[in-house]
């Protein structure tokens, strides 16, 4: 399931942040590594995640220090328990 979540998130990042370019999108990537990641970018990511997965995502958790691995783990736990 985590690979499916990662694939979905990768697609969203490439669509939402075209300047990501050739930066490797891996579980170790921090949200702050995304070019121009700011509060508006966090809102866009929040909306994307809530449209793709059956969950609510707090903006407080989408900090620059959060890794995609942590985000995948959160989504995986939420989806599994609901």
PDB file of N, CA and C in Angstrom:
ATOM      1  N   UNK A   1       0.821  -1.200   0.000  1.00  0.00           N
ATOM      2  CA  UNK A   1       0.000   0.000   0.000  1.00  0.00           C
ATOM      3  C   UNK A   1       0.862   1.260   0.000  1.00  0.00           C
ATOM      4  N   UNK A   2       1.990   1.225   0.717  1.00  0.00           N
ATOM      5  CA  UNK A   2       2.835   2.418   0.793  1.00  0.00           C
ATOM      6  C   UNK A   2       3.355   2.840  -0.570  1.00  0.00           C
ATOM      7  N   UNK A   3       3.632   1.864  -1.459  1.00  0.00           N
ATOM      8  CA  UNK A   3       4.092   2.208  -2.812  1.00  0.00           C
ATOM      9  C   UNK A   3       2.992   2.934  -3.573  1.00  0.00           C
ATOM     10  N   UNK A   4       1.752   2.492  -3.400  1.00  0.00           N
ATOM     11  CA  UNK A   4       0.620   3.150  -4.054  1.00  0.00           C
ATOM     12  C   UNK A   4       0.474   4.576  -3.543  1.00  0.00           C
ATOM     13  N   UNK A   5       0.608   4.750  -2.246  1.00  0.00           N
ATOM     14  CA  UNK A   5       0.516   6.089  -1.653  1.00  0.00           C
ATOM     15  C   UNK A   5       1.644   6.962  -2.184  1.00  0.00           C
ATOM     16  N   UNK A   6       2.868   6.434  -2.217  1.00  0.00           N
ATOM     17  CA  UNK A   6       4.010   7.200  -2.723  1.00  0.00           C
ATOM     18  C   UNK A   6       3.791   7.592  -4.175  1.00  0.00           C
ATOM     19  N   UNK A   7       3.302   6.668  -4.996  1.00  0.00           N
ATOM     20  CA  UNK A   7       3.051   6.962  -6.409  1.00  0.00           C
ATOM     21  C   UNK A   7       2.025   8.080  -6.552  1.00  0.00           C
ATOM     22  N   UNK A   8       0.972   8.032  -5.756  1.00  0.00           N
ATOM     23  CA  UNK A   8      -0.062   9.073  -5.796  1.00  0.00           C
ATOM     24  C   UNK A   8       0.515  10.419  -5.375  1.00  0.00           C
ATOM     25  N   UNK A   9       1.292  10.429  -4.299  1.00  0.00           N
ATOM     26  CA  UNK A   9       1.891  11.677  -3.818  1.00  0.00           C
ATOM     27  C   UNK A   9       2.882  12.228  -4.838  1.00  0.00           C
ATOM     28  N   UNK A  10       3.688  11.354  -5.439  1.00  0.00           N
ATOM     29  CA  UNK A  10       4.643  11.800  -6.471  1.00  0.00           C
ATOM     30  C   UNK A  10       3.914  12.509  -7.603  1.00  0.00           C
ATOM     31  N   UNK A  11       2.828  11.890  -8.076  1.00  0.00           N
ATOM     32  CA  UNK A  11       2.051  12.497  -9.155  1.00  0.00           C
ATOM     33  C   UNK A  11       1.510  13.861  -8.766  1.00  0.00           C
ATOM     34  N   UNK A  12       1.022  13.962  -7.541  1.00  0.00           N
ATOM     35  CA  UNK A  12       0.499  15.239  -7.063  1.00  0.00           C
ATOM     36  C   UNK A  12       1.576  16.298  -6.964  1.00  0.00           C
ATOM     37  N   UNK A  13       2.740  15.916  -6.461  1.00  0.00           N
ATOM     38  CA  UNK A  13       3.841  16.875  -6.334  1.00  0.00           C
ATOM     39  C   UNK A  13       4.268  17.373  -7.712  1.00  0.00           C
ATOM     40  N   UNK A  14       4.358  16.453  -8.678  1.00  0.00           N
ATOM     41  CA  UNK A  14       4.770  16.872 -10.023  1.00  0.00           C
ATOM     42  C   UNK A  14       3.731  17.788 -10.667  1.00  0.00           C
ATOM     43  N   UNK A  15       2.446  17.544 -10.388  1.00  0.00           N
ATOM     44  CA  UNK A  15       1.391  18.406 -10.931  1.00  0.00           C
ATOM     45  C   UNK A  15       1.340  19.759 -10.225  1.00  0.00           C
ATOM     46  N   UNK A  16       1.420  19.734  -8.903  1.00  0.00           N
ATOM     47  CA  UNK A  16       1.294  20.963  -8.119  1.00  0.00           C
ATOM     48  C   UNK A  16       2.539  21.841  -8.160  1.00  0.00           C
ATOM     49  N   UNK A  17       3.698  21.201  -8.270  1.00  0.00           N
ATOM     50  CA  UNK A  17       4.971  21.917  -8.180  1.00  0.00           C
ATOM     51  C   UNK A  17       5.856  21.572  -9.382  1.00  0.00           C
ATOM     52  N   UNK A  18       5.532  22.113 -10.556  1.00  0.00           N
ATOM     53  CA  UNK A  18       6.294  21.750 -11.759  1.00  0.00           C
ATOM     54  C   UNK A  18       7.781  22.085 -11.660  1.00  0.00           C
ATOM     55  N   UNK A  19       8.154  23.005 -10.790  1.00  0.00           N
ATOM     56  CA  UNK A  19       9.571  23.363 -10.639  1.00  0.00           C
ATOM     57  C   UNK A  19      10.370  22.296  -9.899  1.00  0.00           C
ATOM     58  N   UNK A  20       9.697  21.236  -9.432  1.00  0.00           N
ATOM     59  CA  UNK A  20      10.415  20.173  -8.734  1.00  0.00           C
ATOM     60  C   UNK A  20      11.424  19.527  -9.684  1.00  0.00           C
ATOM     61  N   UNK A  21      11.123  19.564 -10.988  1.00  0.00           N
ATOM     62  CA  UNK A  21      12.065  19.118 -12.012  1.00  0.00           C
ATOM     63  C   UNK A  21      12.680  17.770 -11.756  1.00  0.00           C
ATOM     64  N   UNK A  22      13.996  17.755 -11.682  1.00  0.00           N
ATOM     65  CA  UNK A  22      14.731  16.499 -11.558  1.00  0.00           C
ATOM     66  C   UNK A  22      15.073  16.141 -10.111  1.00  0.00           C
ATOM     67  N   UNK A  23      14.510  16.863  -9.161  1.00  0.00           N
ATOM     68  CA  UNK A  23      14.742  16.523  -7.752  1.00  0.00           C
ATOM     69  C   UNK A  23      14.101  15.162  -7.493  1.00  0.00           C
ATOM     70  N   UNK A  24      14.857  14.204  -6.951  1.00  0.00           N
ATOM     71  CA  UNK A  24      14.273  12.884  -6.688  1.00  0.00           C
ATOM     72  C   UNK A  24      13.163  12.960  -5.636  1.00  0.00           C
ATOM     73  N   UNK A  25      12.023  12.413  -5.982  1.00  0.00           N
ATOM     74  CA  UNK A  25      10.892  12.381  -5.055  1.00  0.00           C
ATOM     75  C   UNK A  25      10.910  11.015  -4.381  1.00  0.00           C
ATOM     76  N   UNK A  26      11.454  10.991  -3.175  1.00  0.00           N
ATOM     77  CA  UNK A  26      11.632   9.750  -2.421  1.00  0.00           C
ATOM     78  C   UNK A  26      11.026   9.916  -1.028  1.00  0.00           C
ATOM     79  N   UNK A  27      10.878   8.825  -0.290  1.00  0.00           N
ATOM     80  CA  UNK A  27      10.365   8.944   1.080  1.00  0.00           C
ATOM     81  C   UNK A  27      11.232   9.834   1.975  1.00  0.00           C
ATOM     82  N   UNK A  28      12.509  10.001   1.635  1.00  0.00           N
ATOM     83  CA  UNK A  28      13.400  10.828   2.454  1.00  0.00           C
ATOM     84  C   UNK A  28      13.271  12.325   2.145  1.00  0.00           C
ATOM     85  N   UNK A  29      12.599  12.663   1.055  1.00  0.00           N
ATOM     86  CA  UNK A  29      12.441  14.070   0.662  1.00  0.00           C
ATOM     87  C   UNK A  29      11.627  14.814   1.717  1.00  0.00           C
ATOM     88  N   UNK A  30      12.108  15.976   2.100  1.00  0.00           N
ATOM     89  CA  UNK A  30      11.354  16.842   3.012  1.00  0.00           C
ATOM     90  C   UNK A  30      10.453  17.750   2.174  1.00  0.00           C
ATOM     91  N   UNK A  31       9.315  18.121   2.708  1.00  0.00           N
ATOM     92  CA  UNK A  31       8.434  19.031   1.977  1.00  0.00           C
ATOM     93  C   UNK A  31       9.154  20.336   1.675  1.00  0.00           C
ATOM     94  N   UNK A  32      10.046  20.752   2.561  1.00  0.00           N
ATOM     95  CA  UNK A  32      10.820  21.970   2.348  1.00  0.00           C
ATOM     96  C   UNK A  32      11.785  21.883   1.181  1.00  0.00           C
ATOM     97  N   UNK A  33      12.042  20.662   0.675  1.00  0.00           N
ATOM     98  CA  UNK A  33      12.905  20.496  -0.496  1.00  0.00           C
ATOM     99  C   UNK A  33      12.183  20.853  -1.791  1.00  0.00           C
ATOM    100  N   UNK A  34      10.868  20.954  -1.728  1.00  0.00           N
ATOM    101  CA  UNK A  34      10.082  21.315  -2.909  1.00  0.00           C
ATOM    102  C   UNK A  34      10.296  22.802  -3.173  1.00  0.00           C
ATOM    103  N   UNK A  35      10.695  23.162  -4.399  1.00  0.00           N
ATOM    104  CA  UNK A  35      10.910  24.581  -4.707  1.00  0.00           C
ATOM    105  C   UNK A  35       9.652  25.408  -4.418  1.00  0.00           C
ATOM    106  N   UNK A  36       9.849  26.541  -3.785  1.00  0.00           N
ATOM    107  CA  UNK A  36       8.772  27.488  -3.472  1.00  0.00           C
ATOM    108  C   UNK A  36       7.716  26.915  -2.523  1.00  0.00           C
ATOM    109  N   UNK A  37       8.095  25.952  -1.680  1.00  0.00           N
ATOM    110  CA  UNK A  37       7.141  25.407  -0.714  1.00  0.00           C
ATOM    111  C   UNK A  37       6.916  26.448   0.373  1.00  0.00           C
ATOM    112  N   UNK A  38       5.675  26.905   0.466  1.00  0.00           N
ATOM    113  CA  UNK A  38       5.297  27.908   1.457  1.00  0.00           C
ATOM    114  C   UNK A  38       3.895  27.579   1.958  1.00  0.00           C
ATOM    115  N   UNK A  39       3.271  28.507   2.661  1.00  0.00           N
ATOM    116  CA  UNK A  39       1.960  28.223   3.248  1.00  0.00           C
ATOM    117  C   UNK A  39       0.892  27.967   2.185  1.00  0.00           C
ATOM    118  N   UNK A  40       0.957  28.670   1.065  1.00  0.00           N
ATOM    119  CA  UNK A  40      -0.010  28.423  -0.015  1.00  0.00           C
ATOM    120  C   UNK A  40       0.228  27.060  -0.655  1.00  0.00           C
ATOM    121  N   UNK A  41       1.489  26.690  -0.788  1.00  0.00           N
ATOM    122  CA  UNK A  41       1.818  25.370  -1.329  1.00  0.00           C
ATOM    123  C   UNK A  41       1.296  24.284  -0.391  1.00  0.00           C
ATOM    124  N   UNK A  42       1.407  24.519   0.913  1.00  0.00           N
ATOM    125  CA  UNK A  42       0.904  23.554   1.894  1.00  0.00           C
ATOM    126  C   UNK A  42      -0.609  23.395   1.764  1.00  0.00           C
ATOM    127  N   UNK A  43      -1.321  24.492   1.543  1.00  0.00           N
ATOM    128  CA  UNK A  43      -2.774  24.425   1.352  1.00  0.00           C
ATOM    129  C   UNK A  43      -3.096  23.613   0.097  1.00  0.00           C
ATOM    130  N   UNK A  44      -2.370  23.862  -0.975  1.00  0.00           N
ATOM    131  CA  UNK A  44      -2.598  23.110  -2.212  1.00  0.00           C
ATOM    132  C   UNK A  44      -2.342  21.619  -2.002  1.00  0.00           C
ATOM    133  N   UNK A  45      -1.285  21.291  -1.276  1.00  0.00           N
ATOM    134  CA  UNK A  45      -0.980  19.892  -0.992  1.00  0.00           C
ATOM    135  C   UNK A  45      -2.062  19.287  -0.102  1.00  0.00           C
ATOM    136  N   UNK A  46      -2.520  20.042   0.874  1.00  0.00           N
ATOM    137  CA  UNK A  46      -3.584  19.575   1.762  1.00  0.00           C
ATOM    138  C   UNK A  46      -4.834  19.215   0.955  1.00  0.00           C
ATOM    139  N   UNK A  47      -5.245  20.102   0.068  1.00  0.00           N
ATOM    140  CA  UNK A  47      -6.434  19.860  -0.758  1.00  0.00           C
ATOM    141  C   UNK A  47      -6.230  18.619  -1.622  1.00  0.00           C
ATOM    142  N   UNK A  48      -5.060  18.513  -2.250  1.00  0.00           N
ATOM    143  CA  UNK A  48      -4.756  17.349  -3.081  1.00  0.00           C
ATOM    144  C   UNK A  48      -4.896  16.059  -2.272  1.00  0.00           C
ATOM    145  N   UNK A  49      -4.280  16.016  -1.097  1.00  0.00           N
ATOM    146  CA  UNK A  49      -4.311  14.803  -0.273  1.00  0.00           C
ATOM    147  C   UNK A  49      -5.730  14.452   0.160  1.00  0.00           C
ATOM    148  N   UNK A  50      -6.507  15.458   0.544  1.00  0.00           N
ATOM    149  CA  UNK A  50      -7.871  15.206   1.003  1.00  0.00           C
ATOM    150  C   UNK A  50      -8.785  14.777  -0.133  1.00  0.00           C
ATOM    151  N   UNK A  51      -8.459  15.164  -1.367  1.00  0.00           N
ATOM    152  CA  UNK A  51      -9.239  14.720  -2.523  1.00  0.00           C
ATOM    153  C   UNK A  51      -8.881  13.290  -2.924  1.00  0.00           C
ATOM    154  N   UNK A  52      -7.655  12.872  -2.673  1.00  0.00           N
ATOM    155  CA  UNK A  52      -7.186  11.548  -3.103  1.00  0.00           C
ATOM    156  C   UNK A  52      -7.368  10.460  -2.054  1.00  0.00           C
ATOM    157  N   UNK A  53      -7.334  10.851  -0.795  1.00  0.00           N
ATOM    158  CA  UNK A  53      -7.405   9.873   0.296  1.00  0.00           C
ATOM    159  C   UNK A  53      -8.557  10.241   1.227  1.00  0.00           C
ATOM    160  N   UNK A  54      -9.174   9.238   1.864  1.00  0.00           N
ATOM    161  CA  UNK A  54     -10.311   9.511   2.752  1.00  0.00           C
ATOM    162  C   UNK A  54      -9.849   9.988   4.134  1.00  0.00           C
ATOM    163  N   UNK A  55      -9.280  11.201   4.177  1.00  0.00           N
ATOM    164  CA  UNK A  55      -8.772  11.706   5.450  1.00  0.00           C
ATOM    165  C   UNK A  55      -8.754  13.226   5.456  1.00  0.00           C
ATOM    166  N   UNK A  56      -8.594  13.757   6.643  1.00  0.00           N
ATOM    167  CA  UNK A  56      -8.377  15.188   6.828  1.00  0.00           C
ATOM    168  C   UNK A  56      -6.923  15.377   7.217  1.00  0.00           C
ATOM    169  N   UNK A  57      -6.281  16.358   6.613  1.00  0.00           N
ATOM    170  CA  UNK A  57      -4.873  16.632   6.880  1.00  0.00           C
ATOM    171  C   UNK A  57      -4.766  18.024   7.488  1.00  0.00           C
ATOM    172  N   UNK A  58      -4.146  18.116   8.634  1.00  0.00           N
ATOM    173  CA  UNK A  58      -3.937  19.399   9.292  1.00  0.00           C
ATOM    174  C   UNK A  58      -2.787  20.144   8.616  1.00  0.00           C
ATOM    175  N   UNK A  59      -2.974  21.421   8.388  1.00  0.00           N
ATOM    176  CA  UNK A  59      -1.882  22.229   7.836  1.00  0.00           C
ATOM    177  C   UNK A  59      -0.687  22.252   8.778  1.00  0.00           C
ATOM    178  N   UNK A  60      -0.945  22.117  10.063  1.00  0.00           N
ATOM    179  CA  UNK A  60       0.142  22.120  11.047  1.00  0.00           C
ATOM    180  C   UNK A  60       1.126  20.980  10.836  1.00  0.00           C
ATOM    181  N   UNK A  61       0.670  19.892  10.232  1.00  0.00           N
ATOM    182  CA  UNK A  61       1.581  18.764  10.033  1.00  0.00           C
ATOM    183  C   UNK A  61       2.371  18.873   8.736  1.00  0.00           C
ATOM    184  N   UNK A  62       1.935  19.698   7.804  1.00  0.00           N
ATOM    185  CA  UNK A  62       2.596  19.814   6.505  1.00  0.00           C
ATOM    186  C   UNK A  62       3.724  20.849   6.553  1.00  0.00           C
ATOM    187  N   UNK A  63       4.606  20.680   7.520  1.00  0.00           N
ATOM    188  CA  UNK A  63       5.723  21.610   7.702  1.00  0.00           C
ATOM    189  C   UNK A  63       6.852  21.283   6.736  1.00  0.00           C
ATOM    190  N   UNK A  64       7.773  22.212   6.602  1.00  0.00           N
ATOM    191  CA  UNK A  64       8.924  22.013   5.726  1.00  0.00           C
ATOM    192  C   UNK A  64       9.789  20.843   6.175  1.00  0.00           C
ATOM    193  N   UNK A  65       9.746  20.507   7.456  1.00  0.00           N
ATOM    194  CA  UNK A  65      10.577  19.424   7.987  1.00  0.00           C
ATOM    195  C   UNK A  65       9.970  18.038   7.802  1.00  0.00           C
ATOM    196  N   UNK A  66       8.686  17.966   7.471  1.00  0.00           N
ATOM    197  CA  UNK A  66       8.046  16.661   7.296  1.00  0.00           C
ATOM    198  C   UNK A  66       8.600  15.973   6.058  1.00  0.00           C
ATOM    199  N   UNK A  67       8.907  14.681   6.197  1.00  0.00           N
ATOM    200  CA  UNK A  67       9.368  13.919   5.035  1.00  0.00           C
ATOM    201  C   UNK A  67       8.173  13.243   4.369  1.00  0.00           C
ATOM    202  N   UNK A  68       8.362  12.872   3.114  1.00  0.00           N
ATOM    203  CA  UNK A  68       7.301  12.140   2.431  1.00  0.00           C
ATOM    204  C   UNK A  68       7.069  10.796   3.109  1.00  0.00           C
ATOM    205  N   UNK A  69       8.122  10.199   3.648  1.00  0.00           N
ATOM    206  CA  UNK A  69       7.975   8.938   4.375  1.00  0.00           C
ATOM    207  C   UNK A  69       7.047   9.081   5.571  1.00  0.00           C
ATOM    208  N   UNK A  70       7.186  10.173   6.309  1.00  0.00           N
ATOM    209  CA  UNK A  70       6.304  10.425   7.455  1.00  0.00           C
ATOM    210  C   UNK A  70       4.870  10.639   6.985  1.00  0.00           C
ATOM    211  N   UNK A  71       4.714  11.344   5.877  1.00  0.00           N
ATOM    212  CA  UNK A  71       3.384  11.590   5.326  1.00  0.00           C
ATOM    213  C   UNK A  71       2.752  10.280   4.853  1.00  0.00           C
ATOM    214  N   UNK A  72       3.536   9.452   4.183  1.00  0.00           N
ATOM    215  CA  UNK A  72       3.049   8.149   3.716  1.00  0.00           C
ATOM    216  C   UNK A  72       2.622   7.286   4.901  1.00  0.00           C
ATOM    217  N   UNK A  73       3.430   7.282   5.945  1.00  0.00           N
ATOM    218  CA  UNK A  73       3.114   6.500   7.148  1.00  0.00           C
ATOM    219  C   UNK A  73       1.803   6.979   7.770  1.00  0.00           C
ATOM    220  N   UNK A  74       1.628   8.292   7.866  1.00  0.00           N
ATOM    221  CA  UNK A  74       0.396   8.864   8.424  1.00  0.00           C
ATOM    222  C   UNK A  74      -0.811   8.442   7.588  1.00  0.00           C
ATOM    223  N   UNK A  75      -0.708   8.598   6.286  1.00  0.00           N
ATOM    224  CA  UNK A  75      -1.826   8.244   5.403  1.00  0.00           C
ATOM    225  C   UNK A  75      -2.114   6.749   5.498  1.00  0.00           C
ATOM    226  N   UNK A  76      -1.068   5.935   5.488  1.00  0.00           N
ATOM    227  CA  UNK A  76      -1.245   4.488   5.581  1.00  0.00           C
ATOM    228  C   UNK A  76      -1.966   4.066   6.851  1.00  0.00           C
ATOM    229  N   UNK A  77      -1.581   4.652   7.978  1.00  0.00           N
ATOM    230  CA  UNK A  77      -2.247   4.346   9.254  1.00  0.00           C
ATOM    231  C   UNK A  77      -3.707   4.778   9.222  1.00  0.00           C
ATOM    232  N   UNK A  78      -3.955   5.959   8.693  1.00  0.00           N
ATOM    233  CA  UNK A  78      -5.309   6.500   8.673  1.00  0.00           C
ATOM    234  C   UNK A  78      -6.211   5.647   7.793  1.00  0.00           C
ATOM    235  N   UNK A  79      -5.727   5.323   6.600  1.00  0.00           N
ATOM    236  CA  UNK A  79      -6.523   4.536   5.658  1.00  0.00           C
ATOM    237  C   UNK A  79      -6.785   3.140   6.225  1.00  0.00           C
ATOM    238  N   UNK A  80      -5.780   2.552   6.859  1.00  0.00           N
ATOM    239  CA  UNK A  80      -5.912   1.210   7.434  1.00  0.00           C
ATOM    240  C   UNK A  80      -6.942   1.180   8.562  1.00  0.00           C
ATOM    241  N   UNK A  81      -7.001   2.240   9.359  1.00  0.00           N
ATOM    242  CA  UNK A  81      -7.894   2.277  10.521  1.00  0.00           C
ATOM    243  C   UNK A  81      -9.292   2.790  10.207  1.00  0.00           C
ATOM    244  N   UNK A  82      -9.541   3.198   8.977  1.00  0.00           N
ATOM    245  CA  UNK A  82     -10.871   3.736   8.631  1.00  0.00           C
ATOM    246  C   UNK A  82     -11.485   3.015   7.468  1.00  0.00           C
TER     247      UNK A  82
END
